[in-house]
Amino acid sequence: MTTVVTSGVFSSTTPAISPVNGVGTDYIQWGSAGSQSGYQFRGEAADVQLDGTEFVVGTFIHRNKPTNVNPSQFDVQLTVNVMFEDGSTTDLNFSFHHNETPNSTGTSPADDDLVDLQTFIHPQPVTVDGKQYRAVLSGFKRNGQIVRQFRSPEGGINFADVVCMFTLDEPDVIISGLRYQGTSTGQADEYVEILNKGGGPQDLTGWKVEAKPTGYSFPFPPGTVIQPGQRYRVYTNENHPEYGGFSFSSSNEVWRDQGGIARLVADDGFVVDQSPYLDKGFNKTGTP
């Protein structure tokens, strides 16, 4: 573990936008005077595990006012300076894609500006205590959920934590979440979530998610690749493209409310990760 202190500046936009000010500072603004929108970045002090454990690298703030800018979609480059406890520093470069949506539809979320993480991996390795790691952004953390698209309602000051991790330059796929109690009819909104917390992509061809003791199994389609920092979810009977669009397509319960086990199984049958919950499925109908 190491302790870091971060700060950041918005270094440029691509393409160049007009009007704009604050380039090279932690607060970049665009639009006409008196009605400017913009991004602000606030650094953090954090204890960092060098094993793919996520930490908050800073706070992203979008001050969103009705405004116009040309062009309406552009990328904003952020440089995050990371200072380690031994005094050494490194700069991490990431990019945000901004969509300055029309201001006059009169409804939300149609009026929400959209911010997407454009780059997730700092291109060069980072050396810490003589070892090389990859710096990977997981996404924006809001209301306990980590997402890759930030919806920013018009006329507000909207916040999200920016979540990062230092990891070795190889894939490391785990079960990162399990929603086993749904709310919709037939519990269609239940899901299992997997995360690549490593620094390299993983081909999931031949891999599957298993639900014990219900016996459901979801094989990932051939050619499915999970990138560093990326999350996939397999829903019971819903389609969510932002999480890969995967579903058991089951009208019946996949994750038994009384307990069970979620398993992630590789193409050779090796159990990569498993996540028991509640009574773990024992002493009930069926066994894991």
C-alpha atoms as a PDB file:
ATOM      1  CA  MET A   1       0.000   0.000   0.000  1.00  0.00           C
ATOM      2  CA  THR A   2       1.103   3.556  -0.680  1.00  0.00           C
ATOM      3  CA  THR A   3      -0.378   6.985   0.034  1.00  0.00           C
ATOM      4  CA  VAL A   4      -0.921   9.431  -2.814  1.00  0.00           C
ATOM      5  CA  VAL A   5      -2.011  13.046  -3.169  1.00  0.00           C
ATOM      6  CA  THR A   6      -3.550  14.093  -6.474  1.00  0.00           C
ATOM      7  CA  SER A   7      -4.274  17.305  -8.358  1.00  0.00           C
ATOM      8  CA  GLY A   8      -5.362  17.899 -11.925  1.00  0.00           C
ATOM      9  CA  VAL A   9      -5.620  20.346 -14.815  1.00  0.00           C
ATOM     10  CA  PHE A  10      -7.634  20.301 -18.023  1.00  0.00           C
ATOM     11  CA  SER A  11      -4.903  20.631 -20.610  1.00  0.00           C
ATOM     12  CA  SER A  12      -6.763  20.936 -23.926  1.00  0.00           C
ATOM     13  CA  THR A  13      -9.876  20.152 -25.961  1.00  0.00           C
ATOM     14  CA  THR A  14     -10.170  18.208 -29.201  1.00  0.00           C
ATOM     15  CA  PRO A  15     -11.249  19.763 -31.449  1.00  0.00           C
ATOM     16  CA  ALA A  16     -10.585  23.264 -30.153  1.00  0.00           C
ATOM     17  CA  ILE A  17     -13.832  24.865 -28.955  1.00  0.00           C
ATOM     18  CA  SER A  18     -14.990  28.462 -28.829  1.00  0.00           C
ATOM     19  CA  PRO A  19     -15.513  30.351 -26.621  1.00  0.00           C
ATOM     20  CA  VAL A  20     -13.396  28.697 -23.878  1.00  0.00           C
ATOM     21  CA  ASN A  21     -11.253  29.750 -20.939  1.00  0.00           C
ATOM     22  CA  GLY A  22      -9.395  28.071 -18.092  1.00  0.00           C
ATOM     23  CA  VAL A  23      -7.309  25.717 -20.246  1.00  0.00           C
ATOM     24  CA  GLY A  24      -4.306  24.624 -18.172  1.00  0.00           C
ATOM     25  CA  THR A  25      -6.163  24.986 -14.849  1.00  0.00           C
ATOM     26  CA  ASP A  26      -8.399  22.750 -12.745  1.00  0.00           C
ATOM     27  CA  TYR A  27     -11.508  24.607 -13.973  1.00  0.00           C
ATOM     28  CA  ILE A  28     -12.236  24.835 -17.701  1.00  0.00           C
ATOM     29  CA  GLN A  29     -15.306  26.770 -18.929  1.00  0.00           C
ATOM     30  CA  TRP A  30     -17.032  27.252 -22.246  1.00  0.00           C
ATOM     31  CA  GLY A  31     -19.951  29.240 -23.600  1.00  0.00           C
ATOM     32  CA  SER A  32     -20.960  32.896 -23.511  1.00  0.00           C
ATOM     33  CA  ALA A  33     -20.087  35.161 -20.582  1.00  0.00           C
ATOM     34  CA  GLY A  34     -22.618  34.967 -17.742  1.00  0.00           C
ATOM     35  CA  SER A  35     -23.843  31.534 -18.804  1.00  0.00           C
ATOM     36  CA  GLN A  36     -20.775  29.328 -18.911  1.00  0.00           C
ATOM     37  CA  SER A  37     -20.645  25.607 -18.307  1.00  0.00           C
ATOM     38  CA  GLY A  38     -17.480  23.813 -17.320  1.00  0.00           C
ATOM     39  CA  TYR A  39     -15.559  21.016 -15.656  1.00  0.00           C
ATOM     40  CA  GLN A  40     -13.706  21.245 -12.378  1.00  0.00           C
ATOM     41  CA  PHE A  41     -11.384  18.621 -10.850  1.00  0.00           C
ATOM     42  CA  ARG A  42     -10.573  18.390  -7.144  1.00  0.00           C
ATOM     43  CA  GLY A  43      -7.713  16.171  -6.053  1.00  0.00           C
ATOM     44  CA  GLU A  44      -7.685  13.743  -3.146  1.00  0.00           C
ATOM     45  CA  ALA A  45      -5.398  12.157  -0.587  1.00  0.00           C
ATOM     46  CA  ALA A  46      -5.847   8.388  -0.692  1.00  0.00           C
ATOM     47  CA  ASP A  47      -4.332   5.149   0.519  1.00  0.00           C
ATOM     48  CA  VAL A  48      -3.791   2.984  -2.546  1.00  0.00           C
ATOM     49  CA  GLN A  49      -3.512  -0.786  -2.760  1.00  0.00           C
ATOM     50  CA  LEU A  50      -1.392  -1.804  -5.747  1.00  0.00           C
ATOM     51  CA  ASP A  51      -3.527  -4.844  -6.582  1.00  0.00           C
ATOM     52  CA  GLY A  52      -6.391  -3.469  -8.654  1.00  0.00           C
ATOM     53  CA  THR A  53      -8.344  -2.188  -5.652  1.00  0.00           C
ATOM     54  CA  GLU A  54     -10.332   0.879  -6.647  1.00  0.00           C
ATOM     55  CA  PHE A  55      -9.758   4.234  -5.004  1.00  0.00           C
ATOM     56  CA  VAL A  56     -11.057   7.770  -5.519  1.00  0.00           C
ATOM     57  CA  VAL A  57      -8.467   9.709  -7.516  1.00  0.00           C
ATOM     58  CA  GLY A  58     -10.486  12.930  -7.406  1.00  0.00           C
ATOM     59  CA  THR A  59     -13.878  14.599  -7.642  1.00  0.00           C
ATOM     60  CA  PHE A  60     -15.328  15.543 -11.021  1.00  0.00           C
ATOM     61  CA  ILE A  61     -17.679  18.535 -11.021  1.00  0.00           C
ATOM     62  CA  HIS A  62     -19.784  19.713 -13.951  1.00  0.00           C
ATOM     63  CA  ARG A  63     -21.244  23.178 -13.508  1.00  0.00           C
ATOM     64  CA  ASN A  64     -23.988  22.925 -16.094  1.00  0.00           C
ATOM     65  CA  LYS A  65     -25.707  26.069 -17.330  1.00  0.00           C
ATOM     66  CA  PRO A  66     -27.764  26.501 -20.506  1.00  0.00           C
ATOM     67  CA  THR A  67     -25.169  27.599 -23.021  1.00  0.00           C
ATOM     68  CA  ASN A  68     -23.940  27.115 -26.557  1.00  0.00           C
ATOM     69  CA  VAL A  69     -20.503  26.118 -27.755  1.00  0.00           C
ATOM     70  CA  ASN A  70     -19.060  25.223 -31.138  1.00  0.00           C
ATOM     71  CA  PRO A  71     -18.789  22.328 -31.785  1.00  0.00           C
ATOM     72  CA  SER A  72     -21.339  20.864 -29.365  1.00  0.00           C
ATOM     73  CA  GLN A  73     -19.400  17.602 -28.932  1.00  0.00           C
ATOM     74  CA  PHE A  74     -15.711  17.519 -28.057  1.00  0.00           C
ATOM     75  CA  ASP A  75     -13.084  15.754 -25.945  1.00  0.00           C
ATOM     76  CA  VAL A  76     -11.537  17.351 -22.864  1.00  0.00           C
ATOM     77  CA  GLN A  77      -8.109  16.129 -21.785  1.00  0.00           C
ATOM     78  CA  LEU A  78      -7.386  15.839 -18.060  1.00  0.00           C
ATOM     79  CA  THR A  79      -3.884  15.507 -16.640  1.00  0.00           C
ATOM     80  CA  VAL A  80      -3.853  14.129 -13.079  1.00  0.00           C
ATOM     81  CA  ASN A  81      -0.646  14.639 -11.111  1.00  0.00           C
ATOM     82  CA  VAL A  82      -0.057  11.869  -8.570  1.00  0.00           C
ATOM     83  CA  MET A  83       2.465  12.451  -5.783  1.00  0.00           C
ATOM     84  CA  PHE A  84       3.596   9.371  -3.855  1.00  0.00           C
ATOM     85  CA  GLU A  85       4.656   9.373  -0.222  1.00  0.00           C
ATOM     86  CA  ASP A  86       8.338   9.141  -1.194  1.00  0.00           C
ATOM     87  CA  GLY A  87       7.992  12.467  -3.024  1.00  0.00           C
ATOM     88  CA  SER A  88       8.049  11.044  -6.546  1.00  0.00           C
ATOM     89  CA  THR A  89       5.345  12.127  -8.984  1.00  0.00           C
ATOM     90  CA  THR A  90       3.747  10.933 -12.192  1.00  0.00           C
ATOM     91  CA  ASP A  91       1.203  12.453 -14.569  1.00  0.00           C
ATOM     92  CA  LEU A  92      -1.791  10.415 -15.742  1.00  0.00           C
ATOM     93  CA  ASN A  93      -3.610  11.498 -18.901  1.00  0.00           C
ATOM     94  CA  PHE A  94      -7.278  10.725 -19.518  1.00  0.00           C
ATOM     95  CA  SER A  95      -9.969  12.086 -21.817  1.00  0.00           C
ATOM     96  CA  PHE A  96     -13.650  12.923 -21.341  1.00  0.00           C
ATOM     97  CA  HIS A  97     -16.120  13.191 -24.226  1.00  0.00           C
ATOM     98  CA  HIS A  98     -18.632  16.001 -23.725  1.00  0.00           C
ATOM     99  CA  ASN A  99     -22.023  16.266 -25.410  1.00  0.00           C
ATOM    100  CA  GLU A 100     -23.521  19.754 -24.903  1.00  0.00           C
ATOM    101  CA  THR A 101     -27.095  18.692 -25.597  1.00  0.00           C
ATOM    102  CA  PRO A 102     -29.811  21.144 -26.728  1.00  0.00           C
ATOM    103  CA  ASN A 103     -31.090  23.356 -23.916  1.00  0.00           C
ATOM    104  CA  SER A 104     -34.668  23.819 -25.108  1.00  0.00           C
ATOM    105  CA  THR A 105     -36.412  20.424 -25.019  1.00  0.00           C
ATOM    106  CA  GLY A 106     -37.945  21.195 -21.640  1.00  0.00           C
ATOM    107  CA  THR A 107     -37.658  17.684 -20.267  1.00  0.00           C
ATOM    108  CA  SER A 108     -35.100  15.688 -18.303  1.00  0.00           C
ATOM    109  CA  PRO A 109     -33.197  13.475 -19.073  1.00  0.00           C
ATOM    110  CA  ALA A 110     -33.429  14.895 -22.613  1.00  0.00           C
ATOM    111  CA  ASP A 111     -31.830  18.112 -21.346  1.00  0.00           C
ATOM    112  CA  ASP A 112     -29.032  16.326 -19.481  1.00  0.00           C
ATOM    113  CA  ASP A 113     -25.551  16.917 -20.833  1.00  0.00           C
ATOM    114  CA  LEU A 114     -23.633  13.670 -21.291  1.00  0.00           C
ATOM    115  CA  VAL A 115     -20.043  13.030 -20.226  1.00  0.00           C
ATOM    116  CA  ASP A 116     -18.380   9.780 -21.319  1.00  0.00           C
ATOM    117  CA  LEU A 117     -14.982   8.475 -20.313  1.00  0.00           C
ATOM    118  CA  GLN A 118     -13.108   8.395 -23.594  1.00  0.00           C
ATOM    119  CA  THR A 119      -9.852   6.856 -22.387  1.00  0.00           C
ATOM    120  CA  PHE A 120      -9.539   4.450 -19.461  1.00  0.00           C
ATOM    121  CA  ILE A 121      -5.887   3.444 -19.432  1.00  0.00           C
ATOM    122  CA  HIS A 122      -2.918   5.765 -19.063  1.00  0.00           C
ATOM    123  CA  PRO A 123      -0.754   4.796 -22.053  1.00  0.00           C
ATOM    124  CA  GLN A 124       2.550   4.361 -20.206  1.00  0.00           C
ATOM    125  CA  PRO A 125       3.302   2.095 -17.237  1.00  0.00           C
ATOM    126  CA  VAL A 126       3.676   3.752 -13.821  1.00  0.00           C
ATOM    127  CA  THR A 127       6.638   2.732 -11.662  1.00  0.00           C
ATOM    128  CA  VAL A 128       5.981   2.419  -7.920  1.00  0.00           C
ATOM    129  CA  ASP A 129       8.669   1.031  -5.594  1.00  0.00           C
ATOM    130  CA  GLY A 130      10.551  -0.346  -8.576  1.00  0.00           C
ATOM    131  CA  LYS A 131       7.562  -2.223 -10.054  1.00  0.00           C
ATOM    132  CA  GLN A 132       5.506  -1.265 -13.080  1.00  0.00           C
ATOM    133  CA  TYR A 133       1.738  -0.880 -12.942  1.00  0.00           C
ATOM    134  CA  ARG A 134      -1.079   0.284 -15.178  1.00  0.00           C
ATOM    135  CA  ALA A 135      -3.292   3.177 -14.112  1.00  0.00           C
ATOM    136  CA  VAL A 136      -6.896   2.396 -15.083  1.00  0.00           C
ATOM    137  CA  LEU A 137     -10.033   4.486 -14.625  1.00  0.00           C
ATOM    138  CA  SER A 138     -13.099   2.464 -13.599  1.00  0.00           C
ATOM    139  CA  GLY A 139     -15.576   5.284 -14.099  1.00  0.00           C
ATOM    140  CA  PHE A 140     -17.725   7.791 -12.267  1.00  0.00           C
ATOM    141  CA  LYS A 141     -19.047   6.763  -8.862  1.00  0.00           C
ATOM    142  CA  ARG A 142     -22.485   8.152  -8.001  1.00  0.00           C
ATOM    143  CA  ASN A 143     -24.948   6.837  -5.435  1.00  0.00           C
ATOM    144  CA  GLY A 144     -22.792   3.780  -4.851  1.00  0.00           C
ATOM    145  CA  GLN A 145     -22.760   2.790  -8.535  1.00  0.00           C
ATOM    146  CA  ILE A 146     -19.780   3.062 -10.903  1.00  0.00           C
ATOM    147  CA  VAL A 147     -20.773   4.080 -14.422  1.00  0.00           C
ATOM    148  CA  ARG A 148     -18.912   5.164 -17.534  1.00  0.00           C
ATOM    149  CA  GLN A 149     -21.414   7.792 -18.608  1.00  0.00           C
ATOM    150  CA  PHE A 150     -22.164  10.775 -16.368  1.00  0.00           C
ATOM    151  CA  ARG A 151     -25.598  12.367 -16.893  1.00  0.00           C
ATOM    152  CA  SER A 152     -25.528  15.998 -15.840  1.00  0.00           C
ATOM    153  CA  PRO A 153     -28.923  17.713 -15.396  1.00  0.00           C
ATOM    154  CA  GLU A 154     -29.224  21.212 -16.824  1.00  0.00           C
ATOM    155  CA  GLY A 155     -28.915  24.122 -14.425  1.00  0.00           C
ATOM    156  CA  GLY A 156     -27.151  22.183 -11.679  1.00  0.00           C
ATOM    157  CA  ILE A 157     -23.762  21.646 -10.077  1.00  0.00           C
ATOM    158  CA  ASN A 158     -23.299  17.898 -10.507  1.00  0.00           C
ATOM    159  CA  PHE A 159     -20.649  15.800  -8.743  1.00  0.00           C
ATOM    160  CA  ALA A 160     -19.129  12.350  -9.108  1.00  0.00           C
ATOM    161  CA  ASP A 161     -16.073  10.607  -7.706  1.00  0.00           C
ATOM    162  CA  VAL A 162     -13.565   9.509 -10.332  1.00  0.00           C
ATOM    163  CA  VAL A 163     -12.485   5.957  -9.478  1.00  0.00           C
ATOM    164  CA  CYS A 164      -9.052   4.659 -10.450  1.00  0.00           C
ATOM    165  CA  MET A 165      -6.843   1.659  -9.758  1.00  0.00           C
ATOM    166  CA  PHE A 166      -3.200   0.659 -10.104  1.00  0.00           C
ATOM    167  CA  THR A 167      -2.852  -2.858 -11.394  1.00  0.00           C
ATOM    168  CA  LEU A 168      -0.367  -5.190 -13.041  1.00  0.00           C
ATOM    169  CA  ASP A 169      -0.244  -5.281 -16.838  1.00  0.00           C
ATOM    170  CA  GLU A 170      -2.381  -8.429 -17.156  1.00  0.00           C
ATOM    171  CA  PRO A 171      -6.116  -9.249 -16.972  1.00  0.00           C
ATOM    172  CA  ASP A 172      -7.752 -10.003 -13.613  1.00  0.00           C
ATOM    173  CA  VAL A 173     -11.484 -10.698 -13.930  1.00  0.00           C
ATOM    174  CA  ILE A 174     -13.609 -11.041 -10.788  1.00  0.00           C
ATOM    175  CA  ILE A 175     -17.255 -11.096  -9.717  1.00  0.00           C
ATOM    176  CA  SER A 176     -17.710  -7.536  -8.491  1.00  0.00           C
ATOM    177  CA  GLY A 177     -21.414  -7.469  -7.705  1.00  0.00           C
ATOM    178  CA  LEU A 178     -24.570  -9.557  -7.388  1.00  0.00           C
ATOM    179  CA  ARG A 179     -28.104  -8.234  -7.171  1.00  0.00           C
ATOM    180  CA  TYR A 180     -30.125 -11.246  -6.083  1.00  0.00           C
ATOM    181  CA  GLN A 181     -33.312  -9.461  -4.997  1.00  0.00           C
ATOM    182  CA  GLY A 182     -35.035  -7.669  -7.839  1.00  0.00           C
ATOM    183  CA  THR A 183     -37.951  -5.284  -7.993  1.00  0.00           C
ATOM    184  CA  SER A 184     -39.539  -5.872 -11.377  1.00  0.00           C
ATOM    185  CA  THR A 185     -41.969  -8.615 -12.347  1.00  0.00           C
ATOM    186  CA  GLY A 186     -40.200 -11.967 -12.315  1.00  0.00           C
ATOM    187  CA  GLN A 187     -37.143 -10.245 -10.805  1.00  0.00           C
ATOM    188  CA  ALA A 188     -35.950  -9.500 -14.332  1.00  0.00           C
ATOM    189  CA  ASP A 189     -33.679  -6.690 -13.071  1.00  0.00           C
ATOM    190  CA  GLU A 190     -31.438  -9.000 -11.027  1.00  0.00           C
ATOM    191  CA  TYR A 191     -27.874  -9.318 -12.300  1.00  0.00           C
ATOM    192  CA  VAL A 192     -24.374 -10.569 -11.686  1.00  0.00           C
ATOM    193  CA  GLU A 193     -21.545  -8.141 -12.445  1.00  0.00           C
ATOM    194  CA  ILE A 194     -17.973  -8.957 -13.452  1.00  0.00           C
ATOM    195  CA  LEU A 195     -15.058  -6.510 -13.525  1.00  0.00           C
ATOM    196  CA  ASN A 196     -11.649  -6.634 -15.158  1.00  0.00           C
ATOM    197  CA  LYS A 197      -9.504  -5.041 -12.464  1.00  0.00           C
ATOM    198  CA  GLY A 198      -6.318  -5.932 -14.317  1.00  0.00           C
ATOM    199  CA  GLY A 199      -4.270  -3.909 -16.780  1.00  0.00           C
ATOM    200  CA  GLY A 200      -4.817  -6.102 -19.851  1.00  0.00           C
ATOM    201  CA  PRO A 201      -7.882  -7.244 -21.844  1.00  0.00           C
ATOM    202  CA  GLN A 202      -9.400 -10.705 -21.347  1.00  0.00           C
ATOM    203  CA  ASP A 203     -11.086 -12.723 -24.095  1.00  0.00           C
ATOM    204  CA  LEU A 204     -14.198 -14.295 -22.530  1.00  0.00           C
ATOM    205  CA  THR A 205     -14.825 -16.750 -25.346  1.00  0.00           C
ATOM    206  CA  GLY A 206     -15.844 -20.023 -23.684  1.00  0.00           C
ATOM    207  CA  TRP A 207     -16.269 -18.414 -20.268  1.00  0.00           C
ATOM    208  CA  LYS A 208     -19.586 -18.583 -18.439  1.00  0.00           C
ATOM    209  CA  VAL A 209     -21.445 -17.401 -15.373  1.00  0.00           C
ATOM    210  CA  GLU A 210     -23.170 -20.087 -13.312  1.00  0.00           C
ATOM    211  CA  ALA A 211     -25.942 -19.709 -10.733  1.00  0.00           C
ATOM    212  CA  LYS A 212     -26.026 -22.300  -7.963  1.00  0.00           C
ATOM    213  CA  PRO A 213     -28.233 -24.060  -6.930  1.00  0.00           C
ATOM    214  CA  THR A 214     -30.761 -22.984  -9.581  1.00  0.00           C
ATOM    215  CA  GLY A 215     -28.523 -24.371 -12.334  1.00  0.00           C
ATOM    216  CA  TYR A 216     -28.697 -21.454 -14.747  1.00  0.00           C
ATOM    217  CA  SER A 217     -25.641 -20.864 -16.914  1.00  0.00           C
ATOM    218  CA  PHE A 218     -24.774 -17.976 -19.232  1.00  0.00           C
ATOM    219  CA  PRO A 219     -21.974 -18.514 -21.801  1.00  0.00           C
ATOM    220  CA  PHE A 220     -20.391 -15.346 -23.123  1.00  0.00           C
ATOM    221  CA  PRO A 221     -20.680 -15.041 -26.910  1.00  0.00           C
ATOM    222  CA  PRO A 222     -17.546 -15.863 -28.937  1.00  0.00           C
ATOM    223  CA  GLY A 223     -15.286 -12.852 -29.364  1.00  0.00           C
ATOM    224  CA  THR A 224     -16.448 -11.108 -26.175  1.00  0.00           C
ATOM    225  CA  VAL A 225     -13.545  -9.152 -24.683  1.00  0.00           C
ATOM    226  CA  ILE A 226     -13.592  -7.284 -21.370  1.00  0.00           C
ATOM    227  CA  GLN A 227     -11.202  -4.342 -21.260  1.00  0.00           C
ATOM    228  CA  PRO A 228      -9.256  -3.095 -18.206  1.00  0.00           C
ATOM    229  CA  GLY A 229     -11.620  -1.337 -15.814  1.00  0.00           C
ATOM    230  CA  GLN A 230     -14.679  -2.498 -17.738  1.00  0.00           C
ATOM    231  CA  ARG A 231     -17.791  -3.963 -16.114  1.00  0.00           C
ATOM    232  CA  TYR A 232     -20.191  -6.439 -17.690  1.00  0.00           C
ATOM    233  CA  ARG A 233     -23.529  -7.435 -16.200  1.00  0.00           C
ATOM    234  CA  VAL A 234     -25.647 -10.455 -17.010  1.00  0.00           C
ATOM    235  CA  TYR A 235     -29.259  -9.614 -16.200  1.00  0.00           C
ATOM    236  CA  THR A 236     -31.992 -12.151 -15.539  1.00  0.00           C
ATOM    237  CA  ASN A 237     -34.286 -10.833 -18.264  1.00  0.00           C
ATOM    238  CA  GLU A 238     -33.342  -7.262 -19.181  1.00  0.00           C
ATOM    239  CA  ASN A 239     -31.053  -5.722 -21.789  1.00  0.00           C
ATOM    240  CA  HIS A 240     -28.610  -2.989 -20.762  1.00  0.00           C
ATOM    241  CA  PRO A 241     -26.210  -2.123 -23.614  1.00  0.00           C
ATOM    242  CA  GLU A 242     -24.112   0.078 -21.312  1.00  0.00           C
ATOM    243  CA  TYR A 243     -23.119  -3.107 -19.448  1.00  0.00           C
ATOM    244  CA  GLY A 244     -22.642  -5.327 -22.501  1.00  0.00           C
ATOM    245  CA  GLY A 245     -26.279  -6.168 -23.241  1.00  0.00           C
ATOM    246  CA  PHE A 246     -26.081  -9.679 -21.712  1.00  0.00           C
ATOM    247  CA  SER A 247     -29.082 -11.571 -20.304  1.00  0.00           C
ATOM    248  CA  PHE A 248     -30.071 -15.051 -19.161  1.00  0.00           C
ATOM    249  CA  SER A 249     -33.368 -14.277 -20.975  1.00  0.00           C
ATOM    250  CA  SER A 250     -35.170 -16.141 -18.207  1.00  0.00           C
ATOM    251  CA  SER A 251     -38.725 -15.480 -17.087  1.00  0.00           C
ATOM    252  CA  ASN A 252     -37.924 -17.403 -13.896  1.00  0.00           C
ATOM    253  CA  GLU A 253     -35.744 -16.521 -10.929  1.00  0.00           C
ATOM    254  CA  VAL A 254     -32.019 -17.075 -11.560  1.00  0.00           C
ATOM    255  CA  TRP A 255     -30.679 -15.883  -8.177  1.00  0.00           C
ATOM    256  CA  ARG A 256     -32.639 -17.523  -5.362  1.00  0.00           C
ATOM    257  CA  ASP A 257     -33.529 -15.063  -2.602  1.00  0.00           C
ATOM    258  CA  GLN A 258     -32.727 -17.573   0.158  1.00  0.00           C
ATOM    259  CA  GLY A 259     -29.083 -17.856  -0.910  1.00  0.00           C
ATOM    260  CA  GLY A 260     -26.769 -19.368  -3.450  1.00  0.00           C
ATOM    261  CA  ILE A 261     -23.465 -18.992  -5.223  1.00  0.00           C
ATOM    262  CA  ALA A 262     -22.435 -17.055  -8.334  1.00  0.00           C
ATOM    263  CA  ARG A 263     -19.497 -18.572 -10.200  1.00  0.00           C
ATOM    264  CA  LEU A 264     -17.303 -17.286 -13.014  1.00  0.00           C
ATOM    265  CA  VAL A 265     -15.873 -20.227 -14.932  1.00  0.00           C
ATOM    266  CA  ALA A 266     -13.101 -20.056 -17.556  1.00  0.00           C
ATOM    267  CA  ASP A 267     -13.107 -21.949 -20.854  1.00  0.00           C
ATOM    268  CA  ASP A 268     -11.027 -24.771 -19.322  1.00  0.00           C
ATOM    269  CA  GLY A 269     -13.496 -25.276 -16.451  1.00  0.00           C
ATOM    270  CA  PHE A 270     -11.404 -23.472 -13.851  1.00  0.00           C
ATOM    271  CA  VAL A 271     -13.518 -21.494 -11.354  1.00  0.00           C
ATOM    272  CA  VAL A 272     -11.965 -18.024 -11.689  1.00  0.00           C
ATOM    273  CA  ASP A 273     -14.095 -16.482  -8.937  1.00  0.00           C
ATOM    274  CA  GLN A 274     -17.170 -17.261  -6.885  1.00  0.00           C
ATOM    275  CA  SER A 275     -19.440 -15.223  -4.681  1.00  0.00           C
ATOM    276  CA  PRO A 276     -21.616 -16.999  -2.074  1.00  0.00           C
ATOM    277  CA  TYR A 277     -24.445 -15.006  -0.519  1.00  0.00           C
ATOM    278  CA  LEU A 278     -26.771 -15.394   2.474  1.00  0.00           C
ATOM    279  CA  ASP A 279     -26.994 -19.093   3.477  1.00  0.00           C
ATOM    280  CA  LYS A 280     -24.817 -19.999   0.468  1.00  0.00           C
ATOM    281  CA  GLY A 281     -27.527 -22.319  -0.764  1.00  0.00           C
ATOM    282  CA  PHE A 282     -26.996 -25.132   1.743  1.00  0.00           C
ATOM    283  CA  ASN A 283     -29.827 -26.951   3.524  1.00  0.00           C
ATOM    284  CA  LYS A 284     -32.362 -25.710   1.018  1.00  0.00           C
ATOM    285  CA  THR A 285     -33.910 -27.252  -2.055  1.00  0.00           C
ATOM    286  CA  GLY A 286     -30.937 -28.289  -4.138  1.00  0.00           C
ATOM    287  CA  THR A 287     -27.280 -27.862  -3.265  1.00  0.00           C
ATOM    288  CA  PRO A 288     -24.570 -25.724  -4.853  1.00  0.00           C
END
